[in-house]
PDB file of N, CA and C in Angstrom:
ATOM      1  N   MET A   1      60.536 108.619  86.144  1.00  0.00           N
ATOM      2  CA  MET A   1      61.945 109.358  86.839  1.00  0.00           C
ATOM      3  C   MET A   1      62.861 108.668  87.426  1.00  0.00           C
ATOM      4  N   THR A   2      64.081 108.545  87.132  1.00  0.00           N
ATOM      5  CA  THR A   2      64.985 107.568  87.843  1.00  0.00           C
ATOM      6  C   THR A   2      65.402 108.894  89.430  1.00  0.00           C
ATOM      7  N   HIS A   3      65.971 108.281  90.378  1.00  0.00           N
ATOM      8  CA  HIS A   3      66.479 108.620  91.377  1.00  0.00           C
ATOM      9  C   HIS A   3      67.858 108.599  91.451  1.00  0.00           C
ATOM     10  N   LYS A   4      68.533 109.785  91.946  1.00  0.00           N
ATOM     11  CA  LYS A   4      69.854 109.723  91.912  1.00  0.00           C
ATOM     12  C   LYS A   4      70.618 110.326  93.106  1.00  0.00           C
ATOM     13  N   LYS A   5      71.419 109.350  93.627  1.00  0.00           N
ATOM     14  CA  LYS A   5      71.922 109.429  94.657  1.00  0.00           C
ATOM     15  C   LYS A   5      73.306 110.177  94.854  1.00  0.00           C
ATOM     16  N   ILE A   6      73.233 111.529  95.139  1.00  0.00           N
ATOM     17  CA  ILE A   6      74.077 112.350  94.752  1.00  0.00           C
ATOM     18  C   ILE A   6      75.258 112.495  95.856  1.00  0.00           C
ATOM     19  N   ASN A   7      74.431 112.824  96.997  1.00  0.00           N
ATOM     20  CA  ASN A   7      75.129 113.156  98.331  1.00  0.00           C
ATOM     21  C   ASN A   7      74.810 112.232  99.508  1.00  0.00           C
ATOM     22  N   LEU A   8      75.542 110.538  98.843  1.00  0.00           N
ATOM     23  CA  LEU A   8      75.417 109.865 100.330  1.00  0.00           C
ATOM     24  C   LEU A   8      76.853 109.800 100.434  1.00  0.00           C
ATOM     25  N   ALA A   9      76.919 109.387 102.237  1.00  0.00           N
ATOM     26  CA  ALA A   9      78.133 109.505 103.053  1.00  0.00           C
ATOM     27  C   ALA A   9      78.707 108.198 102.168  1.00  0.00           C
ATOM     28  N   GLU A  10      80.193 108.294 102.658  1.00  0.00           N
ATOM     29  CA  GLU A  10      80.937 107.226 102.101  1.00  0.00           C
ATOM     30  C   GLU A  10      81.894 106.510 102.926  1.00  0.00           C
ATOM     31  N   LYS A  11      82.238 105.694 103.095  1.00  0.00           N
ATOM     32  CA  LYS A  11      83.575 104.962 104.119  1.00  0.00           C
ATOM     33  C   LYS A  11      84.358 104.018 102.988  1.00  0.00           C
ATOM     34  N   GLN A  12      85.457 103.665 103.622  1.00  0.00           N
ATOM     35  CA  GLN A  12      86.365 102.485 102.797  1.00  0.00           C
ATOM     36  C   GLN A  12      86.215 101.413 103.550  1.00  0.00           C
ATOM     37  N   CYS A  13      86.138 100.577 103.158  1.00  0.00           N
ATOM     38  CA  CYS A  13      86.246  98.753 103.627  1.00  0.00           C
ATOM     39  C   CYS A  13      87.370  98.874 104.103  1.00  0.00           C
ATOM     40  N   PRO A  14      87.819  98.490 105.261  1.00  0.00           N
ATOM     41  CA  PRO A  14      89.137  98.115 105.440  1.00  0.00           C
ATOM     42  C   PRO A  14      89.832  96.649 104.704  1.00  0.00           C
ATOM     43  N   VAL A  15      88.690  95.606 104.695  1.00  0.00           N
ATOM     44  CA  VAL A  15      89.312  94.353 103.861  1.00  0.00           C
ATOM     45  C   VAL A  15      89.504  94.676 102.640  1.00  0.00           C
ATOM     46  N   CYS A  16      88.498  94.954 101.987  1.00  0.00           N
ATOM     47  CA  CYS A  16      88.619  95.180 100.201  1.00  0.00           C
ATOM     48  C   CYS A  16      89.433  96.005  99.785  1.00  0.00           C
ATOM     49  N   GLU A  17      89.378  97.594 100.438  1.00  0.00           N
ATOM     50  CA  GLU A  17      89.733  98.676 100.511  1.00  0.00           C
ATOM     51  C   GLU A  17      88.907  99.382  99.235  1.00  0.00           C
ATOM     52  N   LYS A  18      87.858  99.225  99.220  1.00  0.00           N
ATOM     53  CA  LYS A  18      87.201  99.833  98.262  1.00  0.00           C
ATOM     54  C   LYS A  18      86.032 100.677  98.871  1.00  0.00           C
ATOM     55  N   PRO A  19      85.573 101.544  98.362  1.00  0.00           N
ATOM     56  CA  PRO A  19      84.879 102.530  99.118  1.00  0.00           C
ATOM     57  C   PRO A  19      83.020 101.981  98.789  1.00  0.00           C
ATOM     58  N   PHE A  20      82.304 102.323  99.944  1.00  0.00           N
ATOM     59  CA  PHE A  20      81.174 101.952  99.865  1.00  0.00           C
ATOM     60  C   PHE A  20      80.071 102.996 100.171  1.00  0.00           C
ATOM     61  N   SER A  21      78.988 103.200  99.874  1.00  0.00           N
ATOM     62  CA  SER A  21      78.126 104.479 100.244  1.00  0.00           C
ATOM     63  C   SER A  21      76.864 103.590 101.290  1.00  0.00           C
ATOM     64  N   TRP A  22      76.704 104.798 101.694  1.00  0.00           N
ATOM     65  CA  TRP A  22      75.264 104.654 102.898  1.00  0.00           C
ATOM     66  C   TRP A  22      73.978 104.319 102.219  1.00  0.00           C
ATOM     67  N   ARG A  23      73.764 103.224 103.248  1.00  0.00           N
ATOM     68  CA  ARG A  23      72.240 102.485 102.541  1.00  0.00           C
ATOM     69  C   ARG A  23      70.869 102.919 104.022  1.00  0.00           C
ATOM     70  N   LYS A  24      69.922 102.675 103.231  1.00  0.00           N
ATOM     71  CA  LYS A  24      68.528 102.908 103.914  1.00  0.00           C
ATOM     72  C   LYS A  24      68.744 101.825 105.315  1.00  0.00           C
ATOM     73  N   LYS A  25      69.402 100.584 104.827  1.00  0.00           N
ATOM     74  CA  LYS A  25      69.363  99.841 106.043  1.00  0.00           C
ATOM     75  C   LYS A  25      70.341  99.828 107.097  1.00  0.00           C
ATOM     76  N   TRP A  26      71.130 100.853 107.093  1.00  0.00           N
ATOM     77  CA  TRP A  26      72.020 101.471 108.011  1.00  0.00           C
ATOM     78  C   TRP A  26      72.078 102.822 108.696  1.00  0.00           C
ATOM     79  N   GLN A  27      70.458 103.066 108.353  1.00  0.00           N
ATOM     80  CA  GLN A  27      70.628 104.529 108.798  1.00  0.00           C
ATOM     81  C   GLN A  27      70.615 104.669 110.573  1.00  0.00           C
ATOM     82  N   ARG A  28      70.428 103.622 110.938  1.00  0.00           N
ATOM     83  CA  ARG A  28      70.460 103.653 112.380  1.00  0.00           C
ATOM     84  C   ARG A  28      71.481 103.439 113.278  1.00  0.00           C
ATOM     85  N   CYS A  29      72.462 102.714 112.413  1.00  0.00           N
ATOM     86  CA  CYS A  29      73.696 102.339 112.993  1.00  0.00           C
ATOM     87  C   CYS A  29      75.033 102.746 112.277  1.00  0.00           C
ATOM     88  N   TRP A  30      75.159 103.810 111.307  1.00  0.00           N
ATOM     89  CA  TRP A  30      76.062 104.053 110.107  1.00  0.00           C
ATOM     90  C   TRP A  30      77.340 104.235 110.788  1.00  0.00           C
ATOM     91  N   ASP A  31      77.553 105.046 111.778  1.00  0.00           N
ATOM     92  CA  ASP A  31      78.280 105.310 112.383  1.00  0.00           C
ATOM     93  C   ASP A  31      79.335 103.513 113.079  1.00  0.00           C
ATOM     94  N   GLU A  32      78.936 103.000 113.445  1.00  0.00           N
ATOM     95  CA  GLU A  32      79.299 101.580 113.675  1.00  0.00           C
ATOM     96  C   GLU A  32      79.677 100.864 112.662  1.00  0.00           C
ATOM     97  N   VAL A  33      79.168 100.843 111.255  1.00  0.00           N
ATOM     98  CA  VAL A  33      79.422  99.958 110.008  1.00  0.00           C
ATOM     99  C   VAL A  33      80.812 100.490 109.538  1.00  0.00           C
ATOM    100  N   LYS A  34      81.551  99.078 109.575  1.00  0.00           N
ATOM    101  CA  LYS A  34      82.947  99.173 109.114  1.00  0.00           C
ATOM    102  C   LYS A  34      83.138  98.124 107.583  1.00  0.00           C
ATOM    103  N   TYR A  35      82.439  97.290 107.116  1.00  0.00           N
ATOM    104  CA  TYR A  35      82.814  96.750 106.334  1.00  0.00           C
ATOM    105  C   TYR A  35      81.675  96.579 105.170  1.00  0.00           C
ATOM    106  N   CYS A  36      81.949  96.493 104.070  1.00  0.00           N
ATOM    107  CA  CYS A  36      81.264  97.122 102.842  1.00  0.00           C
ATOM    108  C   CYS A  36      79.929  95.766 102.730  1.00  0.00           C
ATOM    109  N   SER A  37      80.351  94.744 103.241  1.00  0.00           N
ATOM    110  CA  SER A  37      79.601  93.303 103.039  1.00  0.00           C
ATOM    111  C   SER A  37      80.146  92.593 103.932  1.00  0.00           C
ATOM    112  N   GLU A  38      79.031  91.320 103.977  1.00  0.00           N
ATOM    113  CA  GLU A  38      79.007  90.470 105.300  1.00  0.00           C
ATOM    114  C   GLU A  38      80.254  89.211 104.672  1.00  0.00           C
ATOM    115  N   ARG A  39      80.648  89.349 103.545  1.00  0.00           N
ATOM    116  CA  ARG A  39      81.913  88.828 102.845  1.00  0.00           C
ATOM    117  C   ARG A  39      83.104  89.401 103.639  1.00  0.00           C
ATOM    118  N   CYS A  40      83.361  90.678 103.628  1.00  0.00           N
ATOM    119  CA  CYS A  40      84.416  91.303 104.225  1.00  0.00           C
ATOM    120  C   CYS A  40      84.623  90.945 105.566  1.00  0.00           C
ATOM    121  N   ARG A  41      83.147  91.323 106.396  1.00  0.00           N
ATOM    122  CA  ARG A  41      83.136  91.243 107.437  1.00  0.00           C
ATOM    123  C   ARG A  41      83.785  89.719 108.166  1.00  0.00           C
ATOM    124  N   ARG A  42      83.237  88.726 107.411  1.00  0.00           N
ATOM    125  CA  ARG A  42      83.805  87.605 107.845  1.00  0.00           C
ATOM    126  C   ARG A  42      85.398  87.417 107.532  1.00  0.00           C
ATOM    127  N   ASN A  43      86.022  88.094 106.587  1.00  0.00           N
ATOM    128  CA  ASN A  43      87.091  87.824 106.290  1.00  0.00           C
ATOM    129  C   ASN A  43      87.931  88.977 106.762  1.00  0.00           C
ATOM    130  N   ARG A  44      87.494  89.495 107.736  1.00  0.00           N
ATOM    131  CA  ARG A  44      88.468  90.459 108.513  1.00  0.00           C
ATOM    132  C   ARG A  44      89.435  90.087 109.105  1.00  0.00           C
ATOM    133  N   ASN A  45      89.571  89.026 110.045  1.00  0.00           N
ATOM    134  CA  ASN A  45      90.910  88.405 110.739  1.00  0.00           C
ATOM    135  C   ASN A  45      92.059  87.679 109.746  1.00  0.00           C
ATOM    136  N   ILE A  46      91.402  87.463 108.508  1.00  0.00           N
ATOM    137  CA  ILE A  46      92.118  86.808 107.527  1.00  0.00           C
ATOM    138  C   ILE A  46      93.618  88.506 107.042  1.00  0.00           C
ATOM    139  N   VAL A  47      92.763  89.009 107.005  1.00  0.00           N
ATOM    140  CA  VAL A  47      93.682  90.380 106.358  1.00  0.00           C
ATOM    141  C   VAL A  47      94.765  90.791 107.569  1.00  0.00           C
ATOM    142  N   VAL A  48      93.501  91.019 108.725  1.00  0.00           N
ATOM    143  CA  VAL A  48      94.828  91.284 109.969  1.00  0.00           C
ATOM    144  C   VAL A  48      95.772  90.460 110.147  1.00  0.00           C
ATOM    145  N   ASN A  49      95.536  88.767 110.011  1.00  0.00           N
ATOM    146  CA  ASN A  49      96.704  87.996 110.164  1.00  0.00           C
ATOM    147  C   ASN A  49      97.827  88.103 109.282  1.00  0.00           C
ATOM    148  N   VAL A  50      97.493  88.223 107.819  1.00  0.00           N
ATOM    149  CA  VAL A  50      98.138  88.805 106.986  1.00  0.00           C
ATOM    150  C   VAL A  50      99.269  89.768 107.115  1.00  0.00           C
ATOM    151  N   ASP A  51      98.622  90.837 107.602  1.00  0.00           N
ATOM    152  CA  ASP A  51      99.305  92.060 107.824  1.00  0.00           C
ATOM    153  C   ASP A  51     100.577  91.863 109.109  1.00  0.00           C
ATOM    154  N   ASN A  52      99.591  91.060 109.970  1.00  0.00           N
ATOM    155  CA  ASN A  52     100.705  90.607 111.381  1.00  0.00           C
ATOM    156  C   ASN A  52     102.154  89.771 110.883  1.00  0.00           C
ATOM    157  N   VAL A  53     101.706  88.916 110.002  1.00  0.00           N
ATOM    158  CA  VAL A  53     103.066  87.962 109.330  1.00  0.00           C
ATOM    159  C   VAL A  53     103.678  89.147 108.777  1.00  0.00           C
ATOM    160  N   ASP A  54     103.233  90.097 107.816  1.00  0.00           N
ATOM    161  CA  ASP A  54     104.324  90.799 107.094  1.00  0.00           C
ATOM    162  C   ASP A  54     105.194  91.156 107.672  1.00  0.00           C
ATOM    163  N   ASN A  55     104.394  92.207 108.852  1.00  0.00           N
ATOM    164  CA  ASN A  55     105.268  93.065 110.337  1.00  0.00           C
ATOM    165  C   ASN A  55     106.117  92.289 110.396  1.00  0.00           C
ATOM    166  N   GLN A  56     105.853  90.773 111.076  1.00  0.00           N
ATOM    167  CA  GLN A  56     106.855  90.189 111.630  1.00  0.00           C
ATOM    168  C   GLN A  56     107.984  89.956 111.174  1.00  0.00           C
ATOM    169  N   THR A  57     107.943  89.682 109.740  1.00  0.00           N
ATOM    170  CA  THR A  57     108.856  89.157 108.784  1.00  0.00           C
ATOM    171  C   THR A  57     109.791  90.410 108.743  1.00  0.00           C
ATOM    172  N   ARG A  58     109.240  91.674 108.833  1.00  0.00           N
ATOM    173  CA  ARG A  58     110.009  92.591 108.290  1.00  0.00           C
ATOM    174  C   ARG A  58     110.932  92.735 109.577  1.00  0.00           C
ATOM    175  N   LYS A  59     110.193  92.791 110.415  1.00  0.00           N
ATOM    176  CA  LYS A  59     110.995  93.397 111.847  1.00  0.00           C
ATOM    177  C   LYS A  59     112.484  92.115 112.082  1.00  0.00           C
ATOM    178  N   SER A  60     112.068  90.869 111.604  1.00  0.00           N
ATOM    179  CA  SER A  60     113.432  89.846 111.372  1.00  0.00           C
ATOM    180  C   SER A  60     114.334  90.030 110.953  1.00  0.00           C
TER     181      SER A  60
END
């Protein structure tokens, strides 16, 4: 018998902008989870810096 994961909570990753679902390993800290993976967590500053550069260019 297969296990269906129908009603799991979802969030959107601010780095890759893809949705990700609740995992058992995050059951105690789901409110603090922001990124879908370790890779996105490590690359969070790159995305923020690119956005800041774009905003500064538009203001000039």
